[in-house]
Amino acid sequence: MAPIPDAPLLAGIAAYRRHPWQRQTPDPQCIWHEGSSRLLDYGPPEGTPLLVVPSLINRAYVLDLLPDHSMLRYLAASGIRPLLLDWGFPGEVECAFSLSDYIAGRLDRALAFLIAQTAGAKIALAGYCMGGTMAVAAAERRPEWVGRLALLAAPWDFWAADQNQARDLAALLPTFEPALILSGALSVDALQILFSLLDPGSVGDKYRDFGRQDQTSTRAIMFVALEDWLNDGVPLAAAVARETLGAWYGANTPAAGTWRILGLPVQPANIRMPCFVAAPGRDRIVPPESARALATAIDGAELHVPAAGHIGMVAGSNSRQVLWERLATWLRM
């Protein structure tokens, strides 16, 4: 009999597919909504308000992965009041959105709602991944509303690590253009392809490792929870896909100073509020050099380099030690 090609990989995939774990963590109270987006309140009511902005291309619950392993619930237990802006699955309205619509529209109105709740007191703003890049623009636009800014693995200089790879990704945009025109969005499958190109070897490695684990262990459950989240993606509105893939990766517009929201350039050098920049040292999705550029651009920003990857920093087994504790301390200053 001929040997099975890469049997450990196939065994790991099979173990994942038959694993019984399913997400059952309930969402907290929704206190505001618009279109497909919701504002989820993790409390406590007396805590320091923190608006958390996730990426547009993955589900927001990575920040609330498990009841006993949740960045947002940890912050709530630390005296912070996290409020998660869950973008949701884009509907007909959101499929017509640009980044200006998301930032100067929906995010702006979520901020305005919270400011009304706090009687005008400034709130803290945190953004993860693409949500961090968006948070930079929101904080510059609304310094009267935002008192602190935390940027967690937020890409800024897209050419800092590998200009050729960034341009190669942008060069794929014409391939997706017929689908963008037809459906109004970049599909989850297309996004999965793009992410796999950033780190092509990681998929096989993680499944081979999972196949060797005790399937009843906490480690195995966390793997399944994260893998289910990765496979539970969200399409990206066509105009946003063109702007991020074509302009961010293709022309490095944020770092070049040519990225604009409502016609105005986004300039992090204008930000004067306290800022916390986390640039995970083992990040293969947002290279550390890309995220560190914001710590250089924002005067007085505190740079933290966790010994973790892009997802591991916020939801990995050591995330409390590498990020959560440090972030909670900074937010309470």
C-alpha atoms as a PDB file:
ATOM      1  CA  MET A   1       0.000   0.000   0.000  1.00  0.00           C
ATOM      2  CA  ALA A   2       1.283   3.445  -0.908  1.00  0.00           C
ATOM      3  CA  PRO A   3       1.899   5.771   2.049  1.00  0.00           C
ATOM      4  CA  ILE A   4      -0.708   8.440   2.714  1.00  0.00           C
ATOM      5  CA  PRO A   5       0.754  11.843   1.763  1.00  0.00           C
ATOM      6  CA  ASP A   6       1.189  14.043   4.864  1.00  0.00           C
ATOM      7  CA  ALA A   7      -0.775  11.744   7.154  1.00  0.00           C
ATOM      8  CA  PRO A   8      -0.209  13.993  10.235  1.00  0.00           C
ATOM      9  CA  LEU A   9      -1.827  16.922   8.428  1.00  0.00           C
ATOM     10  CA  LEU A  10      -4.859  14.862   7.405  1.00  0.00           C
ATOM     11  CA  ALA A  11      -5.156  13.440  10.918  1.00  0.00           C
ATOM     12  CA  GLY A  12      -5.111  16.926  12.416  1.00  0.00           C
ATOM     13  CA  ILE A  13      -7.811  18.176  10.041  1.00  0.00           C
ATOM     14  CA  ALA A  14      -9.960  15.139  10.801  1.00  0.00           C
ATOM     15  CA  ALA A  15      -9.527  15.657  14.556  1.00  0.00           C
ATOM     16  CA  TYR A  16     -10.645  19.267  14.215  1.00  0.00           C
ATOM     17  CA  ARG A  17     -13.689  18.377  12.119  1.00  0.00           C
ATOM     18  CA  ARG A  18     -14.958  15.809  14.621  1.00  0.00           C
ATOM     19  CA  HIS A  19     -14.224  17.792  17.779  1.00  0.00           C
ATOM     20  CA  PRO A  20     -17.471  18.290  19.761  1.00  0.00           C
ATOM     21  CA  TRP A  21     -16.790  21.789  21.122  1.00  0.00           C
ATOM     22  CA  GLN A  22     -19.218  24.528  20.026  1.00  0.00           C
ATOM     23  CA  ARG A  23     -19.318  28.189  20.980  1.00  0.00           C
ATOM     24  CA  GLN A  24     -22.086  28.929  23.499  1.00  0.00           C
ATOM     25  CA  THR A  25     -20.828  32.158  25.080  1.00  0.00           C
ATOM     26  CA  PRO A  26     -23.770  34.608  25.226  1.00  0.00           C
ATOM     27  CA  ASP A  27     -23.368  38.161  24.001  1.00  0.00           C
ATOM     28  CA  PRO A  28     -23.729  40.939  26.581  1.00  0.00           C
ATOM     29  CA  GLN A  29     -26.411  43.609  26.327  1.00  0.00           C
ATOM     30  CA  CYS A  30     -26.647  45.559  23.064  1.00  0.00           C
ATOM     31  CA  ILE A  31     -27.082  49.252  23.915  1.00  0.00           C
ATOM     32  CA  TRP A  32     -26.953  50.749  20.398  1.00  0.00           C
ATOM     33  CA  HIS A  33     -27.254  49.473  16.862  1.00  0.00           C
ATOM     34  CA  GLU A  34     -27.226  50.786  13.326  1.00  0.00           C
ATOM     35  CA  GLY A  35     -27.594  48.625  10.248  1.00  0.00           C
ATOM     36  CA  SER A  36     -25.683  45.398  10.832  1.00  0.00           C
ATOM     37  CA  SER A  37     -23.563  46.895  13.634  1.00  0.00           C
ATOM     38  CA  ARG A  38     -24.104  46.589  17.385  1.00  0.00           C
ATOM     39  CA  LEU A  39     -22.520  48.132  20.467  1.00  0.00           C
ATOM     40  CA  LEU A  40     -22.140  45.434  23.130  1.00  0.00           C
ATOM     41  CA  ASP A  41     -21.705  46.543  26.754  1.00  0.00           C
ATOM     42  CA  TYR A  42     -19.448  44.342  28.910  1.00  0.00           C
ATOM     43  CA  GLY A  43     -19.824  46.585  31.989  1.00  0.00           C
ATOM     44  CA  PRO A  44     -19.482  47.377  34.808  1.00  0.00           C
ATOM     45  CA  PRO A  45     -21.487  50.633  34.505  1.00  0.00           C
ATOM     46  CA  GLU A  46     -19.098  52.530  36.790  1.00  0.00           C
ATOM     47  CA  GLY A  47     -16.015  51.383  34.873  1.00  0.00           C
ATOM     48  CA  THR A  48     -13.867  53.591  32.634  1.00  0.00           C
ATOM     49  CA  PRO A  49     -15.584  53.546  29.195  1.00  0.00           C
ATOM     50  CA  LEU A  50     -13.493  51.912  26.470  1.00  0.00           C
ATOM     51  CA  LEU A  51     -14.801  51.653  22.906  1.00  0.00           C
ATOM     52  CA  VAL A  52     -13.159  48.638  21.231  1.00  0.00           C
ATOM     53  CA  VAL A  53     -12.977  48.594  17.429  1.00  0.00           C
ATOM     54  CA  PRO A  54     -12.227  45.216  15.812  1.00  0.00           C
ATOM     55  CA  SER A  55     -11.313  44.492  12.208  1.00  0.00           C
ATOM     56  CA  LEU A  56     -13.948  44.550   9.496  1.00  0.00           C
ATOM     57  CA  ILE A  57     -12.880  41.184   8.075  1.00  0.00           C
ATOM     58  CA  ASN A  58     -13.199  38.866  11.064  1.00  0.00           C
ATOM     59  CA  ARG A  59     -15.901  38.376  13.653  1.00  0.00           C
ATOM     60  CA  ALA A  60     -15.493  40.567  16.722  1.00  0.00           C
ATOM     61  CA  TYR A  61     -15.837  37.743  19.247  1.00  0.00           C
ATOM     62  CA  VAL A  62     -12.144  36.842  19.061  1.00  0.00           C
ATOM     63  CA  LEU A  63     -11.888  39.430  21.850  1.00  0.00           C
ATOM     64  CA  ASP A  64     -14.465  37.423  23.842  1.00  0.00           C
ATOM     65  CA  LEU A  65     -13.376  33.941  22.851  1.00  0.00           C
ATOM     66  CA  LEU A  66     -14.354  31.835  25.883  1.00  0.00           C
ATOM     67  CA  PRO A  67     -16.177  32.712  29.123  1.00  0.00           C
ATOM     68  CA  ASP A  68     -12.989  32.085  31.120  1.00  0.00           C
ATOM     69  CA  HIS A  69     -10.601  33.343  28.466  1.00  0.00           C
ATOM     70  CA  SER A  70     -11.852  36.696  27.174  1.00  0.00           C
ATOM     71  CA  MET A  71      -9.912  39.925  26.861  1.00  0.00           C
ATOM     72  CA  LEU A  72     -13.071  41.998  27.208  1.00  0.00           C
ATOM     73  CA  ARG A  73     -14.324  40.145  30.287  1.00  0.00           C
ATOM     74  CA  TYR A  74     -10.873  40.403  31.872  1.00  0.00           C
ATOM     75  CA  LEU A  75     -10.841  44.179  31.324  1.00  0.00           C
ATOM     76  CA  ALA A  76     -14.365  44.421  32.779  1.00  0.00           C
ATOM     77  CA  ALA A  77     -13.199  42.568  35.892  1.00  0.00           C
ATOM     78  CA  SER A  78     -10.306  45.051  36.107  1.00  0.00           C
ATOM     79  CA  GLY A  79     -12.543  48.121  36.430  1.00  0.00           C
ATOM     80  CA  ILE A  80     -12.793  48.986  32.733  1.00  0.00           C
ATOM     81  CA  ARG A  81     -16.141  49.184  30.913  1.00  0.00           C
ATOM     82  CA  PRO A  82     -15.412  47.669  27.478  1.00  0.00           C
ATOM     83  CA  LEU A  83     -17.932  48.437  24.758  1.00  0.00           C
ATOM     84  CA  LEU A  84     -17.406  46.348  21.644  1.00  0.00           C
ATOM     85  CA  LEU A  85     -18.386  47.755  18.262  1.00  0.00           C
ATOM     86  CA  ASP A  86     -19.412  44.535  16.526  1.00  0.00           C
ATOM     87  CA  TRP A  87     -19.534  45.490  12.837  1.00  0.00           C
ATOM     88  CA  GLY A  88     -21.626  42.433  11.994  1.00  0.00           C
ATOM     89  CA  PHE A  89     -22.171  40.824   8.616  1.00  0.00           C
ATOM     90  CA  PRO A  90     -22.395  43.533   5.918  1.00  0.00           C
ATOM     91  CA  GLY A  91     -25.858  43.906   4.475  1.00  0.00           C
ATOM     92  CA  GLU A  92     -27.014  45.789   1.387  1.00  0.00           C
ATOM     93  CA  VAL A  93     -26.258  49.172   3.000  1.00  0.00           C
ATOM     94  CA  GLU A  94     -22.799  48.232   4.272  1.00  0.00           C
ATOM     95  CA  CYS A  95     -21.766  46.648   0.959  1.00  0.00           C
ATOM     96  CA  ALA A  96     -21.908  50.173  -0.487  1.00  0.00           C
ATOM     97  CA  PHE A  97     -19.687  51.612   2.288  1.00  0.00           C
ATOM     98  CA  SER A  98     -16.244  53.127   1.892  1.00  0.00           C
ATOM     99  CA  LEU A  99     -13.817  53.526   4.787  1.00  0.00           C
ATOM    100  CA  SER A 100     -15.115  57.083   5.158  1.00  0.00           C
ATOM    101  CA  ASP A 101     -18.619  55.688   5.661  1.00  0.00           C
ATOM    102  CA  TYR A 102     -17.374  53.341   8.363  1.00  0.00           C
ATOM    103  CA  ILE A 103     -15.099  55.803  10.177  1.00  0.00           C
ATOM    104  CA  ALA A 104     -16.745  59.207   9.716  1.00  0.00           C
ATOM    105  CA  GLY A 105     -20.186  57.609   9.732  1.00  0.00           C
ATOM    106  CA  ARG A 106     -20.847  54.537  11.819  1.00  0.00           C
ATOM    107  CA  LEU A 107     -17.852  54.717  14.172  1.00  0.00           C
ATOM    108  CA  ASP A 108     -18.373  58.439  14.633  1.00  0.00           C
ATOM    109  CA  ARG A 109     -22.014  57.906  15.602  1.00  0.00           C
ATOM    110  CA  ALA A 110     -21.133  55.120  18.040  1.00  0.00           C
ATOM    111  CA  LEU A 111     -18.667  57.514  19.688  1.00  0.00           C
ATOM    112  CA  ALA A 112     -21.308  60.243  19.783  1.00  0.00           C
ATOM    113  CA  PHE A 113     -23.766  57.875  21.486  1.00  0.00           C
ATOM    114  CA  LEU A 114     -21.226  57.046  24.196  1.00  0.00           C
ATOM    115  CA  ILE A 115     -20.264  60.689  24.712  1.00  0.00           C
ATOM    116  CA  ALA A 116     -23.954  61.482  25.293  1.00  0.00           C
ATOM    117  CA  GLN A 117     -24.053  58.667  27.878  1.00  0.00           C
ATOM    118  CA  THR A 118     -21.009  60.026  29.723  1.00  0.00           C
ATOM    119  CA  ALA A 119     -22.320  63.626  29.732  1.00  0.00           C
ATOM    120  CA  GLY A 120     -19.478  64.724  27.476  1.00  0.00           C
ATOM    121  CA  ALA A 121     -16.609  63.058  29.357  1.00  0.00           C
ATOM    122  CA  LYS A 122     -13.895  61.699  27.093  1.00  0.00           C
ATOM    123  CA  ILE A 123     -13.650  57.957  26.549  1.00  0.00           C
ATOM    124  CA  ALA A 124     -10.809  55.599  25.698  1.00  0.00           C
ATOM    125  CA  LEU A 125     -10.617  54.088  22.218  1.00  0.00           C
ATOM    126  CA  ALA A 126      -8.897  50.804  21.331  1.00  0.00           C
ATOM    127  CA  GLY A 127      -8.530  49.231  17.916  1.00  0.00           C
ATOM    128  CA  TYR A 128      -7.362  45.751  16.990  1.00  0.00           C
ATOM    129  CA  CYS A 129      -5.749  44.937  13.645  1.00  0.00           C
ATOM    130  CA  MET A 130      -7.523  46.871  10.871  1.00  0.00           C
ATOM    131  CA  GLY A 131      -9.746  48.328  13.585  1.00  0.00           C
ATOM    132  CA  GLY A 132      -6.639  50.000  15.015  1.00  0.00           C
ATOM    133  CA  THR A 133      -5.871  51.701  11.718  1.00  0.00           C
ATOM    134  CA  MET A 134      -9.461  52.934  11.655  1.00  0.00           C
ATOM    135  CA  ALA A 135      -9.158  54.075  15.285  1.00  0.00           C
ATOM    136  CA  VAL A 136      -6.191  56.281  14.358  1.00  0.00           C
ATOM    137  CA  ALA A 137      -8.397  58.173  11.918  1.00  0.00           C
ATOM    138  CA  ALA A 138     -11.271  58.387  14.416  1.00  0.00           C
ATOM    139  CA  ALA A 139      -9.037  59.691  17.220  1.00  0.00           C
ATOM    140  CA  GLU A 140      -7.512  62.356  14.994  1.00  0.00           C
ATOM    141  CA  ARG A 141     -10.972  63.423  13.838  1.00  0.00           C
ATOM    142  CA  ARG A 142     -12.465  63.569  17.342  1.00  0.00           C
ATOM    143  CA  PRO A 143      -9.855  64.644  19.920  1.00  0.00           C
ATOM    144  CA  GLU A 144     -12.659  66.276  21.925  1.00  0.00           C
ATOM    145  CA  TRP A 145     -14.218  62.840  22.431  1.00  0.00           C
ATOM    146  CA  VAL A 146     -11.221  60.501  22.782  1.00  0.00           C
ATOM    147  CA  GLY A 147      -9.003  60.752  25.858  1.00  0.00           C
ATOM    148  CA  ARG A 148      -6.778  57.689  25.334  1.00  0.00           C
ATOM    149  CA  LEU A 149      -5.897  55.583  22.306  1.00  0.00           C
ATOM    150  CA  ALA A 150      -4.741  51.941  22.314  1.00  0.00           C
ATOM    151  CA  LEU A 151      -3.579  50.409  19.031  1.00  0.00           C
ATOM    152  CA  LEU A 152      -3.234  46.624  19.076  1.00  0.00           C
ATOM    153  CA  ALA A 153      -1.366  45.089  16.118  1.00  0.00           C
ATOM    154  CA  ALA A 154      -2.619  47.957  13.958  1.00  0.00           C
ATOM    155  CA  PRO A 155      -0.985  48.038  10.504  1.00  0.00           C
ATOM    156  CA  TRP A 156       0.321  51.391   9.324  1.00  0.00           C
ATOM    157  CA  ASP A 157       3.500  51.109   7.235  1.00  0.00           C
ATOM    158  CA  PHE A 158       2.547  48.359   4.789  1.00  0.00           C
ATOM    159  CA  TRP A 159       5.947  48.417   3.078  1.00  0.00           C
ATOM    160  CA  ALA A 160       8.067  48.372   6.246  1.00  0.00           C
ATOM    161  CA  ALA A 161       8.717  44.624   6.257  1.00  0.00           C
ATOM    162  CA  ASP A 162       8.387  43.534   2.614  1.00  0.00           C
ATOM    163  CA  GLN A 163       7.404  46.067  -0.032  1.00  0.00           C
ATOM    164  CA  ASN A 164       7.388  43.457  -2.791  1.00  0.00           C
ATOM    165  CA  GLN A 165       5.008  41.142  -0.917  1.00  0.00           C
ATOM    166  CA  ALA A 166       2.641  44.039  -0.226  1.00  0.00           C
ATOM    167  CA  ARG A 167       2.619  45.026  -3.881  1.00  0.00           C
ATOM    168  CA  ASP A 168       2.151  41.416  -4.960  1.00  0.00           C
ATOM    169  CA  LEU A 169      -0.983  41.212  -2.802  1.00  0.00           C
ATOM    170  CA  ALA A 170      -2.273  44.454  -4.296  1.00  0.00           C
ATOM    171  CA  ALA A 171      -1.631  43.087  -7.777  1.00  0.00           C
ATOM    172  CA  LEU A 172      -4.267  40.414  -7.107  1.00  0.00           C
ATOM    173  CA  LEU A 173      -7.018  43.033  -6.928  1.00  0.00           C
ATOM    174  CA  PRO A 174      -7.919  42.891 -10.667  1.00  0.00           C
ATOM    175  CA  THR A 175      -8.441  39.119 -10.267  1.00  0.00           C
ATOM    176  CA  PHE A 176     -11.177  39.797  -7.718  1.00  0.00           C
ATOM    177  CA  GLU A 177     -12.734  42.737  -9.563  1.00  0.00           C
ATOM    178  CA  PRO A 178     -15.469  40.765 -11.419  1.00  0.00           C
ATOM    179  CA  ALA A 179     -16.661  39.290  -8.105  1.00  0.00           C
ATOM    180  CA  LEU A 180     -16.540  42.722  -6.433  1.00  0.00           C
ATOM    181  CA  ILE A 181     -18.739  44.151  -9.161  1.00  0.00           C
ATOM    182  CA  LEU A 182     -21.146  41.211  -9.073  1.00  0.00           C
ATOM    183  CA  SER A 183     -21.600  40.801  -5.322  1.00  0.00           C
ATOM    184  CA  GLY A 184     -20.508  44.161  -3.928  1.00  0.00           C
ATOM    185  CA  ALA A 185     -18.043  42.512  -1.545  1.00  0.00           C
ATOM    186  CA  LEU A 186     -14.810  40.533  -1.323  1.00  0.00           C
ATOM    187  CA  SER A 187     -15.858  37.058  -0.236  1.00  0.00           C
ATOM    188  CA  VAL A 188     -14.692  35.179   2.849  1.00  0.00           C
ATOM    189  CA  ASP A 189     -12.997  32.587   0.619  1.00  0.00           C
ATOM    190  CA  ALA A 190     -11.013  35.286  -1.187  1.00  0.00           C
ATOM    191  CA  LEU A 191      -9.942  36.804   2.125  1.00  0.00           C
ATOM    192  CA  GLN A 192      -8.818  33.382   3.349  1.00  0.00           C
ATOM    193  CA  ILE A 193      -6.630  33.048   0.264  1.00  0.00           C
ATOM    194  CA  LEU A 194      -5.028  36.429   0.891  1.00  0.00           C
ATOM    195  CA  PHE A 195      -4.298  35.615   4.541  1.00  0.00           C
ATOM    196  CA  SER A 196      -2.798  32.256   3.610  1.00  0.00           C
ATOM    197  CA  LEU A 197      -0.420  34.023   1.224  1.00  0.00           C
ATOM    198  CA  LEU A 198       0.903  36.099   4.127  1.00  0.00           C
ATOM    199  CA  ASP A 199       1.967  32.960   6.008  1.00  0.00           C
ATOM    200  CA  PRO A 200       1.596  29.913   3.732  1.00  0.00           C
ATOM    201  CA  GLY A 201       3.305  27.378   5.981  1.00  0.00           C
ATOM    202  CA  SER A 202       1.314  28.037   9.128  1.00  0.00           C
ATOM    203  CA  VAL A 203      -1.876  26.166   8.154  1.00  0.00           C
ATOM    204  CA  GLY A 204      -0.224  22.783   7.826  1.00  0.00           C
ATOM    205  CA  ASP A 205       1.918  23.248  10.916  1.00  0.00           C
ATOM    206  CA  LYS A 206      -0.978  24.089  13.221  1.00  0.00           C
ATOM    207  CA  TYR A 207      -3.102  21.104  12.142  1.00  0.00           C
ATOM    208  CA  ARG A 208      -0.200  18.673  12.477  1.00  0.00           C
ATOM    209  CA  ASP A 209       0.379  19.960  15.992  1.00  0.00           C
ATOM    210  CA  PHE A 210      -3.330  19.778  16.867  1.00  0.00           C
ATOM    211  CA  GLY A 211      -3.529  16.155  15.786  1.00  0.00           C
ATOM    212  CA  ARG A 212      -0.921  15.260  18.430  1.00  0.00           C
ATOM    213  CA  GLN A 213      -2.719  17.030  21.283  1.00  0.00           C
ATOM    214  CA  ASP A 214      -4.960  15.587  23.981  1.00  0.00           C
ATOM    215  CA  GLN A 215      -8.327  16.392  22.410  1.00  0.00           C
ATOM    216  CA  THR A 216      -9.952  16.946  25.818  1.00  0.00           C
ATOM    217  CA  SER A 217      -7.359  19.476  26.991  1.00  0.00           C
ATOM    218  CA  THR A 218      -7.875  23.212  27.443  1.00  0.00           C
ATOM    219  CA  ARG A 219      -5.263  23.766  24.757  1.00  0.00           C
ATOM    220  CA  ALA A 220      -7.266  21.696  22.245  1.00  0.00           C
ATOM    221  CA  ILE A 221     -10.501  23.526  23.076  1.00  0.00           C
ATOM    222  CA  MET A 222      -8.787  26.874  22.568  1.00  0.00           C
ATOM    223  CA  PHE A 223      -7.476  25.680  19.204  1.00  0.00           C
ATOM    224  CA  VAL A 224     -10.966  24.669  18.074  1.00  0.00           C
ATOM    225  CA  ALA A 225     -12.448  27.947  19.325  1.00  0.00           C
ATOM    226  CA  LEU A 226      -9.883  29.986  17.407  1.00  0.00           C
ATOM    227  CA  GLU A 227     -10.129  27.847  14.295  1.00  0.00           C
ATOM    228  CA  ASP A 228     -13.930  28.129  14.296  1.00  0.00           C
ATOM    229  CA  TRP A 229     -13.506  31.900  14.578  1.00  0.00           C
ATOM    230  CA  LEU A 230     -11.057  31.970  11.669  1.00  0.00           C
ATOM    231  CA  ASN A 231     -13.511  30.023   9.531  1.00  0.00           C
ATOM    232  CA  ASP A 232     -16.401  32.287  10.542  1.00  0.00           C
ATOM    233  CA  GLY A 233     -15.258  35.199   8.419  1.00  0.00           C
ATOM    234  CA  VAL A 234     -16.989  38.320   7.161  1.00  0.00           C
ATOM    235  CA  PRO A 235     -17.001  39.659   3.574  1.00  0.00           C
ATOM    236  CA  LEU A 236     -15.433  43.058   2.942  1.00  0.00           C
ATOM    237  CA  ALA A 237     -17.374  45.797   1.139  1.00  0.00           C
ATOM    238  CA  ALA A 238     -16.077  46.274  -2.405  1.00  0.00           C
ATOM    239  CA  ALA A 239     -14.986  49.895  -1.987  1.00  0.00           C
ATOM    240  CA  VAL A 240     -13.182  49.029   1.246  1.00  0.00           C
ATOM    241  CA  ALA A 241     -11.460  46.061  -0.425  1.00  0.00           C
ATOM    242  CA  ARG A 242     -10.226  48.315  -3.223  1.00  0.00           C
ATOM    243  CA  GLU A 243      -9.024  50.927  -0.741  1.00  0.00           C
ATOM    244  CA  THR A 244      -7.229  48.543   1.591  1.00  0.00           C
ATOM    245  CA  LEU A 245      -5.779  46.108  -0.919  1.00  0.00           C
ATOM    246  CA  GLY A 246      -5.106  48.597  -3.695  1.00  0.00           C
ATOM    247  CA  ALA A 247      -4.175  51.715  -1.727  1.00  0.00           C
ATOM    248  CA  TRP A 248      -2.916  50.468   1.644  1.00  0.00           C
ATOM    249  CA  TYR A 249      -0.894  47.532   0.328  1.00  0.00           C
ATOM    250  CA  GLY A 250      -0.319  48.774  -3.201  1.00  0.00           C
ATOM    251  CA  ALA A 251       0.617  52.398  -2.501  1.00  0.00           C
ATOM    252  CA  ASN A 252       1.242  52.380   1.271  1.00  0.00           C
ATOM    253  CA  THR A 253      -1.074  55.365   1.600  1.00  0.00           C
ATOM    254  CA  PRO A 254      -1.245  55.475   5.444  1.00  0.00           C
ATOM    255  CA  ALA A 255       2.538  55.751   5.919  1.00  0.00           C
ATOM    256  CA  ALA A 256       2.854  57.959   2.832  1.00  0.00           C
ATOM    257  CA  GLY A 257       0.383  60.453   4.322  1.00  0.00           C
ATOM    258  CA  THR A 258      -2.019  60.114   1.388  1.00  0.00           C
ATOM    259  CA  TRP A 259      -4.785  58.053   3.011  1.00  0.00           C
ATOM    260  CA  ARG A 260      -7.837  60.304   3.306  1.00  0.00           C
ATOM    261  CA  ILE A 261     -11.141  60.173   5.172  1.00  0.00           C
ATOM    262  CA  LEU A 262     -13.777  62.545   3.782  1.00  0.00           C
ATOM    263  CA  GLY A 263     -11.023  64.135   1.726  1.00  0.00           C
ATOM    264  CA  LEU A 264      -8.739  64.922   4.672  1.00  0.00           C
ATOM    265  CA  PRO A 265      -5.396  63.143   5.147  1.00  0.00           C
ATOM    266  CA  VAL A 266      -5.047  60.935   8.222  1.00  0.00           C
ATOM    267  CA  GLN A 267      -1.985  62.204  10.113  1.00  0.00           C
ATOM    268  CA  PRO A 268      -1.155  60.380  13.343  1.00  0.00           C
ATOM    269  CA  ALA A 269       1.436  63.051  14.146  1.00  0.00           C
ATOM    270  CA  ASN A 270      -1.523  65.315  15.004  1.00  0.00           C
ATOM    271  CA  ILE A 271      -2.631  62.996  17.838  1.00  0.00           C
ATOM    272  CA  ARG A 272      -1.776  64.462  21.252  1.00  0.00           C
ATOM    273  CA  MET A 273      -3.608  62.114  23.638  1.00  0.00           C
ATOM    274  CA  PRO A 274      -1.858  59.296  25.564  1.00  0.00           C
ATOM    275  CA  CYS A 275      -1.311  56.363  23.206  1.00  0.00           C
ATOM    276  CA  PHE A 276      -0.443  52.693  23.738  1.00  0.00           C
ATOM    277  CA  VAL A 277       0.945  50.759  20.749  1.00  0.00           C
ATOM    278  CA  ALA A 278       1.213  46.959  20.931  1.00  0.00           C
ATOM    279  CA  ALA A 279       3.308  45.459  18.125  1.00  0.00           C
ATOM    280  CA  PRO A 280       3.557  41.693  18.747  1.00  0.00           C
ATOM    281  CA  GLY A 281       7.034  40.425  17.996  1.00  0.00           C
ATOM    282  CA  ARG A 282       5.914  37.213  16.277  1.00  0.00           C
ATOM    283  CA  ASP A 283       3.134  38.728  14.167  1.00  0.00           C
ATOM    284  CA  ARG A 284       3.008  37.297  10.622  1.00  0.00           C
ATOM    285  CA  ILE A 285      -0.216  39.066   9.627  1.00  0.00           C
ATOM    286  CA  VAL A 286       0.821  42.601  10.616  1.00  0.00           C
ATOM    287  CA  PRO A 287       4.631  42.660  10.698  1.00  0.00           C
ATOM    288  CA  PRO A 288       5.973  44.304  13.878  1.00  0.00           C
ATOM    289  CA  GLU A 289       7.680  46.963  11.746  1.00  0.00           C
ATOM    290  CA  SER A 290       4.305  47.994  10.319  1.00  0.00           C
ATOM    291  CA  ALA A 291       2.652  48.446  13.730  1.00  0.00           C
ATOM    292  CA  ARG A 292       5.714  50.066  15.342  1.00  0.00           C
ATOM    293  CA  ALA A 293       5.503  52.875  12.801  1.00  0.00           C
ATOM    294  CA  LEU A 294       2.575  54.298  14.766  1.00  0.00           C
ATOM    295  CA  ALA A 295       4.643  54.479  17.952  1.00  0.00           C
ATOM    296  CA  THR A 296       7.172  56.544  16.001  1.00  0.00           C
ATOM    297  CA  ALA A 297       4.540  58.760  14.376  1.00  0.00           C
ATOM    298  CA  ILE A 298       2.573  59.579  17.570  1.00  0.00           C
ATOM    299  CA  ASP A 299       4.569  61.726  19.967  1.00  0.00           C
ATOM    300  CA  GLY A 300       4.945  60.141  23.402  1.00  0.00           C
ATOM    301  CA  ALA A 301       3.323  56.840  22.458  1.00  0.00           C
ATOM    302  CA  GLU A 302       4.141  53.898  24.718  1.00  0.00           C
ATOM    303  CA  LEU A 303       5.415  50.931  22.688  1.00  0.00           C
ATOM    304  CA  HIS A 304       4.819  47.400  23.933  1.00  0.00           C
ATOM    305  CA  VAL A 305       6.247  44.401  22.031  1.00  0.00           C
ATOM    306  CA  PRO A 306       4.503  41.245  23.319  1.00  0.00           C
ATOM    307  CA  ALA A 307       6.210  37.904  22.759  1.00  0.00           C
ATOM    308  CA  ALA A 308       3.219  36.626  20.803  1.00  0.00           C
ATOM    309  CA  GLY A 309       1.639  36.476  17.383  1.00  0.00           C
ATOM    310  CA  HIS A 310      -1.179  38.506  15.879  1.00  0.00           C
ATOM    311  CA  ILE A 311      -4.027  36.424  17.330  1.00  0.00           C
ATOM    312  CA  GLY A 312      -2.116  34.964  20.255  1.00  0.00           C
ATOM    313  CA  MET A 313      -1.600  38.444  21.684  1.00  0.00           C
ATOM    314  CA  VAL A 314      -5.337  38.946  22.268  1.00  0.00           C
ATOM    315  CA  ALA A 315      -6.663  35.383  22.521  1.00  0.00           C
ATOM    316  CA  GLY A 316      -3.771  32.959  23.013  1.00  0.00           C
ATOM    317  CA  SER A 317      -3.010  30.889  26.085  1.00  0.00           C
ATOM    318  CA  ASN A 318      -0.566  33.530  27.409  1.00  0.00           C
ATOM    319  CA  SER A 319      -2.512  36.616  26.315  1.00  0.00           C
ATOM    320  CA  ARG A 320      -3.263  37.692  29.887  1.00  0.00           C
ATOM    321  CA  GLN A 321       0.454  37.880  30.678  1.00  0.00           C
ATOM    322  CA  VAL A 322       1.637  39.303  27.351  1.00  0.00           C
ATOM    323  CA  LEU A 323      -1.082  41.960  26.837  1.00  0.00           C
ATOM    324  CA  TRP A 324      -4.229  42.059  28.973  1.00  0.00           C
ATOM    325  CA  GLU A 325      -2.566  42.970  32.276  1.00  0.00           C
ATOM    326  CA  ARG A 326      -0.362  45.647  30.704  1.00  0.00           C
ATOM    327  CA  LEU A 327      -3.274  47.160  28.778  1.00  0.00           C
ATOM    328  CA  ALA A 328      -5.559  47.239  31.842  1.00  0.00           C
ATOM    329  CA  THR A 329      -2.872  48.983  33.887  1.00  0.00           C
ATOM    330  CA  TRP A 330      -2.330  51.587  31.158  1.00  0.00           C
ATOM    331  CA  LEU A 331      -6.065  52.247  30.790  1.00  0.00           C
ATOM    332  CA  ARG A 332      -6.403  52.898  34.541  1.00  0.00           C
ATOM    333  CA  MET A 333      -3.605  55.504  34.599  1.00  0.00           C
END
